[in-house]
Protein backbone atom coordinates (compact mmCIF):
# COMPACT_ATOMS: atom_id res chain seq x y z
CA MET A 1 16.70 -14.76 0.16
CA PRO A 2 13.37 -13.83 1.48
CA VAL A 3 10.57 -14.13 -1.13
CA HIS A 4 7.54 -11.87 -1.21
CA ASN A 5 4.15 -11.52 -2.80
CA ALA A 6 5.43 -8.78 -5.16
CA ASP A 7 8.23 -11.50 -6.14
CA ILE A 8 6.11 -14.00 -6.78
CA ALA A 9 3.52 -11.85 -8.49
CA ALA A 10 6.33 -10.51 -10.84
CA VAL A 11 7.49 -14.23 -11.81
CA PHE A 12 3.69 -14.67 -12.89
CA GLU A 13 3.73 -11.51 -14.44
CA GLN A 14 6.37 -12.58 -16.40
CA ILE A 15 5.77 -15.92 -17.58
CA ALA A 16 2.61 -14.72 -18.63
CA GLU A 17 4.21 -12.17 -21.14
CA LEU A 18 6.37 -14.85 -22.21
CA LEU A 19 3.56 -17.11 -22.80
CA GLU A 20 2.12 -14.09 -24.96
CA LEU A 21 5.41 -14.16 -27.25
CA GLN A 22 5.22 -17.02 -27.86
CA GLY A 23 1.50 -17.27 -28.72
CA ALA A 24 -0.14 -19.35 -26.15
CA ASN A 25 -3.24 -20.62 -25.67
CA PRO A 26 -4.90 -17.26 -24.63
CA PHE A 27 -7.02 -18.41 -21.64
CA ARG A 28 -3.34 -19.74 -20.03
CA VAL A 29 -1.62 -16.32 -20.17
CA ARG A 30 -5.32 -14.73 -18.61
CA ALA A 31 -4.75 -17.77 -15.57
CA TYR A 32 -1.21 -16.43 -14.79
CA ARG A 33 -1.74 -12.98 -15.30
CA ASN A 34 -4.58 -13.02 -12.68
CA ALA A 35 -2.48 -14.83 -10.94
CA ALA A 36 -0.42 -12.52 -10.73
CA ARG A 37 -2.81 -9.66 -9.50
CA THR A 38 -4.30 -11.76 -6.99
CA VAL A 39 -1.00 -12.73 -4.99
CA GLY A 40 0.60 -9.22 -5.87
CA ASP A 41 -3.09 -7.89 -3.91
CA HIS A 42 -3.05 -9.95 -1.11
CA GLY A 43 -2.47 -8.75 2.31
CA ARG A 44 -0.69 -12.02 3.94
CA ASP A 45 2.59 -12.96 3.19
CA LEU A 46 2.30 -16.46 1.83
CA ALA A 47 5.67 -17.24 1.54
CA THR A 48 5.83 -17.49 5.34
CA ARG A 49 3.02 -19.79 5.27
CA VAL A 50 4.84 -21.95 2.78
CA VAL A 51 8.37 -21.81 4.69
CA SER A 52 6.86 -22.54 7.95
CA GLY A 53 4.41 -25.62 6.46
CA GLU A 54 0.75 -23.92 6.86
CA PRO A 55 -1.75 -24.49 3.73
CA LEU A 56 -2.04 -21.84 1.34
CA PRO A 57 -5.66 -20.17 1.35
CA LYS A 58 -7.79 -20.44 -0.95
CA LEU A 59 -7.47 -18.02 -3.80
CA PRO A 60 -9.62 -16.71 -6.60
CA GLY A 61 -8.17 -18.74 -9.46
CA ILE A 62 -5.47 -20.15 -8.08
CA GLY A 63 -5.49 -24.01 -8.43
CA LYS A 64 -3.16 -26.70 -7.83
CA ASP A 65 -0.63 -25.90 -10.77
CA LEU A 66 -0.47 -22.82 -9.38
CA SER A 67 -0.07 -23.48 -5.65
CA ALA A 68 2.51 -25.78 -6.72
CA LYS A 69 4.40 -22.87 -8.14
CA ILE A 70 4.28 -20.23 -5.06
CA ARG A 71 5.76 -23.29 -3.17
CA GLU A 72 8.22 -23.30 -5.79
CA ILE A 73 8.90 -19.73 -5.58
CA ALA A 74 8.63 -19.43 -2.02
CA THR A 75 11.10 -22.25 -1.04
CA THR A 76 13.93 -21.73 -3.76
CA GLY A 77 13.40 -18.27 -5.29
CA HIS A 78 13.11 -19.98 -8.55
CA CYS A 79 10.16 -20.67 -10.90
CA ALA A 80 11.48 -23.60 -13.53
CA LEU A 81 9.07 -23.07 -15.65
CA LEU A 82 10.28 -19.01 -15.78
CA GLU A 83 13.19 -20.58 -16.92
CA ARG A 84 12.67 -22.31 -19.36
CA LEU A 85 10.72 -19.69 -21.33
CA HIS A 86 13.45 -17.49 -20.82
CA HIS A 87 15.63 -19.79 -22.68
CA GLN A 88 13.08 -20.21 -25.72
CA VAL A 89 12.49 -16.53 -26.00
CA PRO A 90 14.96 -13.58 -26.32
CA ALA A 91 14.82 -11.55 -22.95
CA ALA A 92 14.69 -7.64 -24.71
CA LEU A 93 11.86 -8.90 -26.45
CA THR A 94 9.35 -8.23 -23.23
CA GLU A 95 10.49 -4.66 -23.08
CA LEU A 96 9.03 -4.02 -26.34
CA LEU A 97 5.76 -5.44 -24.52
CA ARG A 98 6.27 -1.66 -22.43
CA VAL A 99 5.89 0.37 -25.67
CA PRO A 100 2.07 1.04 -26.05
CA GLY A 101 0.37 0.04 -28.58
CA LEU A 102 3.11 -2.89 -29.09
CA GLY A 103 0.78 -6.12 -27.84
CA PRO A 104 2.09 -9.19 -28.48
CA LYS A 105 0.96 -9.90 -32.05
CA ARG A 106 3.16 -6.87 -33.27
CA VAL A 107 6.06 -7.87 -31.24
CA ARG A 108 5.94 -11.21 -32.76
CA ALA A 109 5.90 -9.73 -36.08
CA LEU A 110 8.70 -6.66 -35.37
CA HIS A 111 10.74 -9.84 -34.42
CA GLN A 112 9.51 -12.16 -37.23
CA GLY A 113 9.68 -9.71 -39.72
CA LEU A 114 12.33 -6.88 -39.47
CA ALA A 115 14.63 -8.76 -36.47
CA VAL A 116 13.92 -6.33 -33.78
CA ASN A 117 14.84 -7.82 -30.76
CA THR A 118 15.10 -4.52 -28.61
CA VAL A 119 14.40 -1.26 -27.61
CA ALA A 120 17.12 0.12 -30.22
CA GLN A 121 16.56 -2.08 -32.48
CA LEU A 122 13.03 -0.76 -32.68
CA ARG A 123 13.43 3.19 -32.51
CA ARG A 124 16.11 2.39 -35.63
CA ALA A 125 13.31 1.25 -37.81
CA ALA A 126 10.80 3.39 -37.17
CA GLN A 127 13.77 6.12 -37.49
CA ALA A 128 14.61 4.49 -41.14
CA GLY A 129 10.61 3.66 -42.27
CA ARG A 130 10.93 0.41 -41.97
CA ILE A 131 8.16 -0.33 -39.68
CA ARG A 132 5.18 0.77 -42.24
CA GLU A 133 6.07 -1.78 -44.57
CA LEU A 134 4.90 -5.01 -42.13
CA PRO A 135 0.99 -6.42 -42.01
CA GLY A 136 -0.94 -4.50 -39.66
CA PHE A 137 1.28 -1.45 -39.28
CA GLY A 138 1.20 1.56 -41.52
CA ALA A 139 2.69 5.33 -41.55
CA LYS A 140 0.97 6.92 -38.74
CA THR A 141 2.24 4.11 -36.53
CA GLU A 142 6.16 5.10 -36.48
CA PRO A 143 5.84 8.64 -35.86
CA ARG A 144 3.35 7.28 -32.38
CA ILE A 145 6.22 4.57 -31.40
CA LEU A 146 9.18 7.32 -31.90
CA GLN A 147 6.76 9.67 -29.36
CA HIS A 148 6.05 6.89 -26.97
CA LEU A 149 9.41 5.60 -26.40
CA ARG A 150 10.73 9.81 -26.56
CA ALA A 151 7.61 9.91 -23.33
CA GLN A 152 9.36 6.79 -21.70
CA ALA A 153 13.13 7.78 -21.73
CA ALA A 154 12.06 11.19 -20.44
CA ALA A 155 9.49 9.71 -17.85
CA PRO A 156 10.76 8.69 -13.77
CA GLU A 157 11.11 5.13 -12.83
CA THR A 158 7.61 4.46 -11.60
CA PRO A 159 7.54 4.45 -7.48
CA MET A 160 6.15 1.02 -5.55
CA LEU A 161 3.08 0.80 -4.13
CA LEU A 162 2.85 1.52 -0.77
CA PRO A 163 1.84 -1.59 0.66
CA VAL A 164 4.26 -3.56 -2.09
CA ALA A 165 7.19 -0.80 -0.61
CA ALA A 166 5.80 -2.17 2.96
CA GLN A 167 6.84 -6.10 2.13
CA TYR A 168 10.25 -4.72 1.26
CA ALA A 169 10.72 -1.84 4.09
CA GLU A 170 9.72 -3.75 7.27
CA ALA A 171 11.10 -6.60 6.72
CA LEU A 172 14.68 -4.85 6.12
CA ALA A 173 14.11 -3.12 9.32
CA ASP A 174 13.35 -6.09 11.31
CA TRP A 175 16.65 -7.42 10.00
CA LEU A 176 18.51 -4.38 11.40
CA ARG A 177 16.62 -4.44 14.82
CA GLY A 178 18.69 -7.45 15.47
CA ALA A 179 21.31 -5.57 15.72
CA GLN A 180 22.44 -5.22 19.67
CA GLN A 181 23.53 -1.89 18.66
CA VAL A 182 20.33 -0.45 17.35
CA GLN A 183 18.27 1.83 20.14
CA GLN A 184 15.98 3.10 18.22
CA LEU A 185 14.71 2.35 14.43
CA GLU A 186 12.19 4.23 12.27
CA ILE A 187 11.11 3.91 8.61
CA ALA A 188 10.43 7.44 7.55
CA GLY A 189 10.39 9.45 4.16
CA SER A 190 7.38 9.28 2.29
CA TYR A 191 6.85 5.98 3.78
CA ARG A 192 6.00 7.07 7.53
CA ARG A 193 3.95 10.02 5.51
CA ARG A 194 1.63 7.28 3.82
CA ARG A 195 1.85 8.19 0.16
CA GLU A 196 0.23 6.46 -2.11
CA THR A 197 3.42 5.37 -3.48
CA VAL A 198 6.99 5.14 -2.37
CA GLY A 199 10.06 5.55 -4.68
CA ASP A 200 12.95 4.94 -2.23
CA ILE A 201 12.72 3.90 1.51
CA ASP A 202 14.44 6.30 4.32
CA ILE A 203 15.65 4.32 7.80
CA LEU A 204 17.07 6.20 10.87
CA VAL A 205 18.68 4.10 13.73
CA ALA A 206 19.71 5.95 16.81
CA SER A 207 23.17 4.00 18.09
CA ASP A 208 26.28 4.59 19.65
CA GLU A 209 28.23 2.06 17.91
CA PRO A 210 27.14 2.63 13.99
CA ALA A 211 29.68 0.19 11.99
CA PRO A 212 28.02 -2.48 13.39
CA VAL A 213 24.32 -1.46 11.62
CA MET A 214 26.04 -0.40 8.41
CA GLN A 215 27.51 -3.95 8.05
CA ARG A 216 24.43 -6.03 8.64
CA LEU A 217 22.78 -3.43 5.88
CA THR A 218 25.41 -4.46 3.53
CA GLY A 219 25.23 -7.81 4.68
CA TYR A 220 21.67 -8.17 3.67
CA ASP A 221 20.60 -10.66 1.36
CA GLU A 222 18.92 -8.81 -0.70
CA VAL A 223 21.18 -6.23 -1.00
CA ARG A 224 21.65 -5.94 -5.12
CA GLU A 225 24.23 -2.73 -5.25
CA ILE A 226 25.99 -1.00 -2.45
CA LEU A 227 25.57 2.46 -3.67
CA ALA A 228 27.68 4.65 -1.19
CA GLN A 229 28.76 3.35 2.38
CA GLY A 230 30.01 6.07 5.09
CA SER A 231 30.84 5.41 8.60
CA THR A 232 27.34 7.17 9.59
CA ARG A 233 25.01 6.82 6.55
CA ALA A 234 24.69 4.19 3.87
CA SER A 235 22.21 4.17 0.03
CA VAL A 236 22.00 0.81 -1.06
CA VAL A 237 19.41 -0.77 -4.08
CA LEU A 238 17.41 -3.97 -3.18
CA ALA A 239 17.18 -6.77 -5.62
CA CYS A 240 13.62 -5.63 -5.76
CA GLY A 241 15.18 -2.40 -7.14
CA LEU A 242 14.12 -0.52 -4.53
CA GLN A 243 16.73 2.50 -2.83
CA VAL A 244 17.01 2.30 0.48
CA ASP A 245 19.02 5.31 2.79
CA LEU A 246 19.96 4.31 6.16
CA ARG A 247 21.31 7.34 8.60
CA VAL A 248 22.63 6.27 12.17
CA VAL A 249 22.72 9.12 14.80
CA GLU A 250 22.73 9.36 18.39
CA SER A 251 19.64 9.32 20.56
CA ALA A 252 19.60 13.05 21.67
CA ALA A 253 19.46 13.71 17.88
CA PHE A 254 16.81 11.06 17.13
CA GLY A 255 13.52 13.03 17.30
CA ALA A 256 15.45 16.00 14.79
CA ALA A 257 16.75 13.39 12.82
CA LEU A 258 13.27 11.94 11.89
CA HIS A 259 11.66 14.92 12.04
CA TYR A 260 14.55 15.80 8.70
CA PHE A 261 13.91 12.41 7.10
CA THR A 262 10.14 12.36 7.45
CA GLY A 263 9.72 15.84 5.21
CA SER A 264 8.25 16.45 3.00
CA LYS A 265 10.97 19.52 1.69
CA ALA A 266 8.46 21.90 1.88
CA HIS A 267 7.38 21.24 5.19
CA ASN A 268 10.80 20.85 6.45
CA ILE A 269 11.95 24.54 4.77
CA ALA A 270 8.68 25.97 6.42
CA ILE A 271 9.42 24.62 10.12
CA ARG A 272 13.00 26.19 9.37
CA LYS A 273 11.95 29.56 8.57
CA ARG A 274 9.64 29.83 11.68
CA ALA A 275 12.77 28.41 13.62
CA GLN A 276 14.83 31.23 11.82
CA ALA A 277 12.35 33.88 13.19
CA ARG A 278 13.01 32.59 16.41
CA GLY A 279 16.80 33.10 16.10
CA LEU A 280 16.97 29.04 15.72
CA LYS A 281 18.71 26.68 13.60
CA VAL A 282 16.84 23.42 12.71
CA ASN A 283 18.32 20.51 10.97
CA GLU A 284 19.03 16.81 11.26
CA TYR A 285 21.12 16.71 14.44
CA GLY A 286 19.00 18.73 16.50
CA VAL A 287 17.54 22.32 17.32
CA PHE A 288 20.19 25.08 18.13
CA ARG A 289 20.80 28.16 19.02
CA ASP A 290 23.78 29.51 18.21
CA LYS A 291 26.15 26.03 18.81
CA ALA A 292 23.84 24.87 22.21
CA ARG A 293 21.71 22.21 21.09
CA VAL A 294 17.91 23.12 22.81
CA ALA A 295 15.79 20.16 21.72
CA GLY A 296 16.31 17.12 19.36
CA GLU A 297 16.15 14.55 21.17
CA THR A 298 12.20 13.65 20.33
CA GLU A 299 9.96 14.95 17.56
CA GLU A 300 8.14 16.42 20.35
CA SER A 301 10.71 18.88 21.29
CA VAL A 302 11.27 19.96 17.83
CA PHE A 303 8.14 21.18 17.05
CA ALA A 304 7.94 22.73 20.93
CA ALA A 305 11.12 24.50 20.14
CA VAL A 306 9.32 26.85 17.72
CA GLY A 307 6.47 26.80 19.00
CA LEU A 308 4.38 23.98 17.76
CA PRO A 309 2.42 21.25 18.81
CA TRP A 310 3.40 17.69 17.20
CA ILE A 311 2.27 17.21 13.94
CA ALA A 312 1.30 14.15 12.56
CA PRO A 313 3.50 12.80 9.79
CA GLU A 314 0.76 12.15 7.49
CA LEU A 315 0.15 16.30 7.64
CA ARG A 316 3.67 17.17 6.60
CA GLU A 317 3.47 18.12 3.21
CA ASP A 318 2.91 22.46 3.78
CA ARG A 319 -0.57 22.24 3.05
CA GLY A 320 -1.70 24.64 5.73
CA GLU A 321 -0.36 22.41 8.85
CA ILE A 322 1.63 24.83 10.17
CA ALA A 323 -0.19 27.63 10.49
CA TRP A 324 -3.48 25.88 11.75
CA ALA A 325 -1.27 24.28 14.31
CA ALA A 326 0.06 27.11 15.27
CA ARG A 327 -3.38 29.13 15.95
CA ALA A 328 -5.33 26.18 17.04
CA PRO A 329 -5.69 22.68 17.51
CA LEU A 330 -4.68 20.29 14.68
CA PRO A 331 -8.17 17.75 13.92
CA ARG A 332 -8.07 14.65 15.48
CA LEU A 333 -7.03 12.28 12.71
CA ILE A 334 -9.24 9.42 12.50
CA GLU A 335 -7.57 5.84 13.35
CA ARG A 336 -8.37 2.20 12.27
CA ALA A 337 -9.91 1.70 15.80
CA ASP A 338 -12.93 4.41 14.88
CA LEU A 339 -14.12 2.19 12.21
CA ARG A 340 -16.99 0.61 12.76
CA GLY A 341 -18.43 -0.97 9.68
CA ASP A 342 -17.04 -1.54 6.07
CA LEU A 343 -19.79 -0.27 3.11
CA HIS A 344 -18.10 -2.33 0.31
CA CYS A 345 -17.30 -5.96 -0.69
CA HIS A 346 -17.95 -9.19 -2.80
CA SER A 347 -18.42 -12.20 -2.08
CA ARG A 348 -18.42 -15.06 -4.90
CA ALA A 349 -21.41 -14.48 -6.15
CA SER A 350 -19.54 -11.57 -8.40
CA ASP A 351 -15.88 -11.63 -8.38
CA GLY A 352 -15.10 -12.24 -5.07
CA ASN A 353 -13.67 -15.79 -3.78
CA ALA A 354 -15.67 -16.16 -0.29
CA THR A 355 -18.62 -17.08 1.00
CA LEU A 356 -20.99 -14.50 2.67
CA GLU A 357 -20.66 -16.75 5.97
CA GLU A 358 -16.71 -16.35 5.53
CA LEU A 359 -16.88 -12.51 4.73
CA ALA A 360 -19.36 -12.27 7.99
CA ALA A 361 -16.40 -13.80 10.13
CA ALA A 362 -13.47 -12.22 8.80
CA ALA A 363 -14.97 -8.73 9.14
CA ARG A 364 -16.03 -9.96 12.81
CA ALA A 365 -12.52 -10.80 13.42
CA ALA A 366 -11.29 -7.45 12.17
CA GLY A 367 -13.44 -5.11 15.20
CA LEU A 368 -16.53 -4.32 12.37
CA GLU A 369 -20.31 -4.65 13.82
CA TYR A 370 -21.64 -4.67 10.00
CA LEU A 371 -20.65 -5.20 6.64
CA ALA A 372 -22.13 -4.16 3.24
CA ILE A 373 -22.26 -7.10 0.60
CA THR A 374 -21.64 -5.14 -2.94
CA GLU A 375 -21.71 -7.57 -5.05
CA HIS A 376 -21.25 -6.05 -8.89
CA SER A 377 -24.14 -5.21 -11.10
CA GLN A 378 -25.31 -7.18 -14.16
CA ARG A 379 -23.62 -4.50 -17.08
CA LEU A 380 -19.82 -5.58 -15.49
CA THR A 381 -19.95 -9.61 -17.13
CA ILE A 382 -16.02 -9.99 -16.75
CA ALA A 383 -16.89 -9.50 -12.53
CA HIS A 384 -20.04 -11.98 -13.22
CA GLY A 385 -22.69 -9.48 -12.41
CA LEU A 386 -26.13 -9.92 -10.49
CA GLY A 387 -29.03 -8.96 -12.40
CA THR A 388 -32.65 -8.62 -10.41
CA GLU A 389 -33.14 -12.61 -9.95
CA ARG A 390 -29.72 -13.48 -8.37
CA LEU A 391 -29.38 -10.08 -6.17
CA LEU A 392 -33.13 -10.80 -4.73
CA GLN A 393 -31.63 -14.17 -4.52
CA GLN A 394 -28.55 -12.69 -2.41
CA CYS A 395 -30.91 -10.74 -0.30
CA GLU A 396 -33.14 -13.85 0.36
CA GLU A 397 -29.56 -15.23 1.75
CA ILE A 398 -28.47 -12.72 3.44
CA ASP A 399 -31.73 -12.28 5.69
CA ALA A 400 -31.41 -15.74 6.64
CA LEU A 401 -27.90 -15.45 7.88
CA ASN A 402 -28.15 -12.53 9.75
CA ALA A 403 -30.50 -14.47 11.83
CA GLN A 404 -27.93 -16.78 12.60
CA LEU A 405 -24.78 -14.42 12.94
CA ASP A 406 -23.66 -13.09 16.30
CA GLY A 407 -21.57 -10.14 16.86
CA ILE A 408 -21.90 -8.37 13.00
CA VAL A 409 -24.96 -7.52 10.70
CA LEU A 410 -24.82 -7.78 7.14
CA LEU A 411 -26.18 -5.19 4.65
CA LYS A 412 -27.86 -5.40 1.77
CA GLY A 413 -26.13 -3.78 -1.60
CA ILE A 414 -24.52 -3.45 -4.90
CA GLU A 415 -22.26 -2.13 -6.90
CA VAL A 416 -24.69 -0.71 -8.91
CA ASP A 417 -22.76 0.09 -12.72
CA ILE A 418 -23.00 3.88 -13.99
CA LEU A 419 -23.70 3.71 -17.27
CA GLU A 420 -22.34 6.46 -20.25
CA ASP A 421 -25.05 8.74 -19.64
CA GLY A 422 -25.59 8.77 -15.71
CA ARG A 423 -28.44 5.71 -15.63
CA LEU A 424 -28.42 3.34 -12.95
CA ASP A 425 -28.10 -0.53 -14.04
CA LEU A 426 -30.66 -2.15 -11.73
CA PRO A 427 -34.46 -0.97 -11.79
CA ASP A 428 -35.64 1.39 -9.49
CA ALA A 429 -37.87 -0.90 -7.98
CA VAL A 430 -35.00 -3.48 -7.00
CA LEU A 431 -32.57 -0.54 -5.91
CA GLY A 432 -35.28 0.70 -3.81
CA GLN A 433 -35.60 -3.02 -1.18
CA LEU A 434 -31.64 -2.75 -0.62
CA ASP A 435 -30.13 -1.32 2.46
CA LEU A 436 -27.33 0.73 0.55
CA VAL A 437 -26.62 1.23 -2.60
CA ILE A 438 -23.24 2.82 -4.00
CA GLY A 439 -22.60 3.49 -7.60
CA ALA A 440 -19.40 2.97 -10.09
CA VAL A 441 -17.84 4.09 -13.25
CA HIS A 442 -16.40 0.86 -14.98
CA SER A 443 -16.50 1.95 -18.78
CA HIS A 444 -16.22 4.78 -20.85
CA PHE A 445 -13.75 6.88 -19.07
CA ASP A 446 -12.13 8.92 -21.88
CA LEU A 447 -15.51 11.45 -22.18
CA SER A 448 -14.84 14.90 -22.09
CA PRO A 449 -15.11 16.77 -18.68
CA ALA A 450 -17.96 18.09 -18.90
CA ARG A 451 -20.08 15.16 -20.11
CA GLN A 452 -18.65 12.91 -17.47
CA LEU A 453 -19.15 15.74 -14.63
CA ARG A 454 -22.88 15.36 -15.54
CA ARG A 455 -22.64 11.55 -15.95
CA LEU A 456 -22.10 11.27 -12.30
CA MET A 457 -24.11 14.29 -11.40
CA ARG A 458 -26.99 12.36 -12.69
CA ALA A 459 -26.27 9.28 -10.93
CA MET A 460 -25.97 11.29 -7.81
CA ASP A 461 -29.70 12.69 -8.20
CA HIS A 462 -30.68 9.12 -8.06
CA PRO A 463 -32.82 9.18 -4.94
CA HIS A 464 -31.48 5.24 -4.10
CA LEU A 465 -27.98 6.31 -4.82
CA HIS A 466 -26.16 6.27 -1.69
CA VAL A 467 -22.27 6.42 -2.16
CA LEU A 468 -20.44 7.48 -5.36
CA ALA A 469 -18.10 4.26 -5.19
CA HIS A 470 -14.20 5.39 -6.35
CA PRO A 471 -15.10 8.39 -7.27
CA GLY A 472 -11.83 9.41 -9.72
CA SER A 473 -11.80 5.49 -11.19
CA ARG A 474 -8.35 5.99 -11.04
CA GLU A 475 -5.77 2.55 -10.93
CA LEU A 476 -2.74 4.06 -9.68
CA GLY A 477 0.46 3.29 -12.66
CA LYS A 478 -2.62 2.01 -15.00
CA ARG A 479 -5.32 4.44 -15.60
CA PRO A 480 -5.27 8.43 -13.96
CA LEU A 481 -7.97 9.81 -12.41
CA LEU A 482 -11.20 11.20 -14.20
CA ASP A 483 -10.63 14.74 -15.22
CA LEU A 484 -13.26 16.24 -13.85
CA ASP A 485 -14.23 19.79 -11.66
CA TRP A 486 -13.99 18.06 -8.26
CA LEU A 487 -15.66 21.12 -6.69
CA ARG A 488 -18.78 20.87 -8.33
CA LEU A 489 -18.74 17.41 -7.70
CA VAL A 490 -18.38 17.81 -4.02
CA ARG A 491 -20.97 20.37 -3.74
CA HIS A 492 -23.81 18.24 -5.79
CA ALA A 493 -23.16 15.44 -3.60
CA ARG A 494 -23.49 17.70 -0.07
CA ARG A 495 -26.76 19.29 -2.28
CA ARG A 496 -28.30 15.26 -2.93
CA GLY A 497 -26.99 14.02 0.13
CA CYS A 498 -24.52 11.66 -1.57
CA PHE A 499 -21.86 10.57 -0.11
CA LEU A 500 -18.10 9.70 -1.37
CA GLU A 501 -15.89 6.62 -1.11
CA LEU A 502 -12.63 6.87 0.39
CA ASN A 503 -11.97 3.12 -1.83
CA ALA A 504 -9.20 1.52 0.16
CA GLN A 505 -7.76 -0.84 -2.20
CA PRO A 506 -3.85 0.29 -2.63
CA LYS A 507 -4.02 0.22 -6.63
CA ARG A 508 -7.00 2.86 -6.33
CA LEU A 509 -6.88 4.75 -2.73
CA ASP A 510 -9.41 6.98 -4.31
CA LEU A 511 -10.40 9.37 -2.98
CA THR A 512 -7.27 11.37 -3.06
CA ASP A 513 -6.35 12.89 0.13
CA VAL A 514 -6.46 16.36 -1.87
CA HIS A 515 -10.21 15.54 -2.48
CA ALA A 516 -11.08 14.03 0.98
CA ARG A 517 -10.31 17.20 2.54
CA LEU A 518 -12.43 19.08 -0.10
CA ALA A 519 -14.78 17.02 1.32
CA ARG A 520 -14.23 17.28 4.70
CA GLU A 521 -14.10 20.99 3.78
CA GLU A 522 -17.76 21.21 1.96
CA GLY A 523 -19.39 18.87 4.74
CA VAL A 524 -19.51 15.34 2.87
CA LEU A 525 -19.00 12.35 4.68
CA VAL A 526 -16.32 9.85 3.26
CA ALA A 527 -17.01 6.18 3.77
CA ILE A 528 -13.90 4.38 4.31
CA SER A 529 -14.21 0.80 2.46
CA SER A 530 -12.26 -2.32 1.55
CA ASP A 531 -13.81 -3.18 -1.83
CA ALA A 532 -12.67 -7.02 -0.24
CA HIS A 533 -12.61 -9.81 -2.38
CA THR A 534 -11.32 -11.76 0.14
CA VAL A 535 -11.44 -12.50 3.17
CA ASP A 536 -7.74 -10.81 4.01
CA ASP A 537 -8.71 -7.68 2.13
CA PHE A 538 -9.86 -5.80 5.36
CA SER A 539 -6.25 -4.71 6.21
CA ASN A 540 -7.10 -2.71 3.26
CA LEU A 541 -8.60 -0.23 5.45
CA ASP A 542 -5.44 0.49 7.57
CA TYR A 543 -4.25 2.07 3.84
CA GLY A 544 -7.71 3.52 3.45
CA ILE A 545 -6.97 5.40 7.24
CA GLY A 546 -3.24 6.58 5.87
CA GLN A 547 -5.17 7.92 3.27
CA ALA A 548 -7.76 9.55 5.31
CA ARG A 549 -5.29 10.57 7.84
CA ARG A 550 -3.64 12.77 5.05
CA GLY A 551 -6.70 13.82 3.77
CA TRP A 552 -7.27 15.82 7.45
CA LEU A 553 -10.38 13.60 8.20
CA GLU A 554 -11.70 13.38 11.81
CA ALA A 555 -14.00 10.28 12.79
CA ALA A 556 -16.94 12.78 12.37
CA ASP A 557 -15.88 13.06 9.24
CA VAL A 558 -16.38 9.36 8.18
CA LEU A 559 -20.28 8.02 7.49
CA ASN A 560 -18.67 4.19 8.87
CA THR A 561 -17.43 5.31 12.07
CA ARG A 562 -21.24 5.70 13.04
CA PRO A 563 -23.29 3.01 14.49
CA LEU A 564 -25.43 0.62 12.86
CA ASP A 565 -28.70 2.65 13.94
CA ALA A 566 -27.33 5.93 12.77
CA LEU A 567 -25.48 5.05 9.38
CA ARG A 568 -29.61 3.70 8.74
CA GLY A 569 -31.09 7.01 9.51
CA LEU A 570 -27.80 8.46 7.20
CA LEU A 571 -28.61 6.45 4.69
CA ARG A 572 -32.55 7.42 4.25
CA ARG A 573 -32.78 9.97 1.36
CA ASP A 574 -36.25 11.52 1.47
């Protein structure tokens, strides 16, 4: 069975959880948790490198022991340490860690004091009023636990981040393409629309012989369960828990099926209504007038039949794209080749793992002409943030390096912390010496909406702040967007000559697509930045481009599509 980065990360995360439950050394636990994050965020497939005999890349926090475990998992699909821990710790205890407010210490107390090993036993203990008897718990704890358990039971399954889903979807698609009966194949659904998270995968195949394609799917060694299987459609669940729906159609209907299964549902309904007004019927088999199919071989033919140009998948959300396309050309959406530079990355000086030289070489290899080095500032001690002395020293290093570099220019920058009251974390005299200052919130996420807005607006008032980084401060699946009046925020950015970042880290993708479009409509330029911490992280830009396209952004709407001289002119705040 193929092993993906997400699988290795999941093993390390499980090891961290089990070690925590045993009360192991916190530094050891943290090492595995950090390794899980590092491997999960890495843009290139590590197992492929191991199997092909290539050395593993240098990754932050990954030493000899963890590298050996990566090789072990990649070559065997197992980890001996995890298996030993599973024998030592009741498996159900890890589920208790998913309950908000129950850390390892409390889970151990419940296990040892009340013999609580499962979520069901936890619920019964709370309902019986037994938990309040334990040291460190109280009467208020029980209703909170029950509330959290009810919320978890009602919550839908958490979808996968787009790049994690890509690891499984692309590998399966490549496997299916190995069937000689496959004439065309596309991954459709929310994956093709480049949504931030993916709940399941829709794969569409054109073939005159569906049976061998069906057999190839169900014979894939990552298939854990076959939910349904017919002559032209099948649904399976992969070992990672991702559901895959396969549909096989004839080539004459492939375009219609691709449009239908790309969605969204609201977009498809709007297209069907438009077709009905013209006496047509649109479904996954084609566009029909009475019983005659008049279009369907290509998506272009489907759109043309209802009087529209082809609409890019990222726009198919029924957010005005159909009415726009009916009256005027749609925006020429930005493409990866439009980017000239990257305005957010970190070196070893803070929490990255590459040198300035290595970052410069990787950015140049990624087709970029300039790269802003933006370490964290001193307030963020966990990320080894830079104070005045270290920052000025780095500026000298950048100047010296630029004198030697060819084909790439490094810009002197900082990701300065925005303090609770909106002040910036470094003095004006230092910030004024930099090419670029991006400001970010890394604390006090729970301020009231009014206070949070005042905080960000005050930061943008600062004459040296150029870009508001990851403005919503979200981490998908972990921390929601800041509760803000986004229209006021965007309009204040316009008034102050400040730009907004679309942070392309897949766990952020912040701006959202909706707020990126709002920035476009209000005339505020957006910076699509990788937030790279390794030399492989410039691949994040692809996900940023997908998000920008969902936000209707053209190249002209993006700050870092400009050549360096034009960028420098825009960064001057008088």
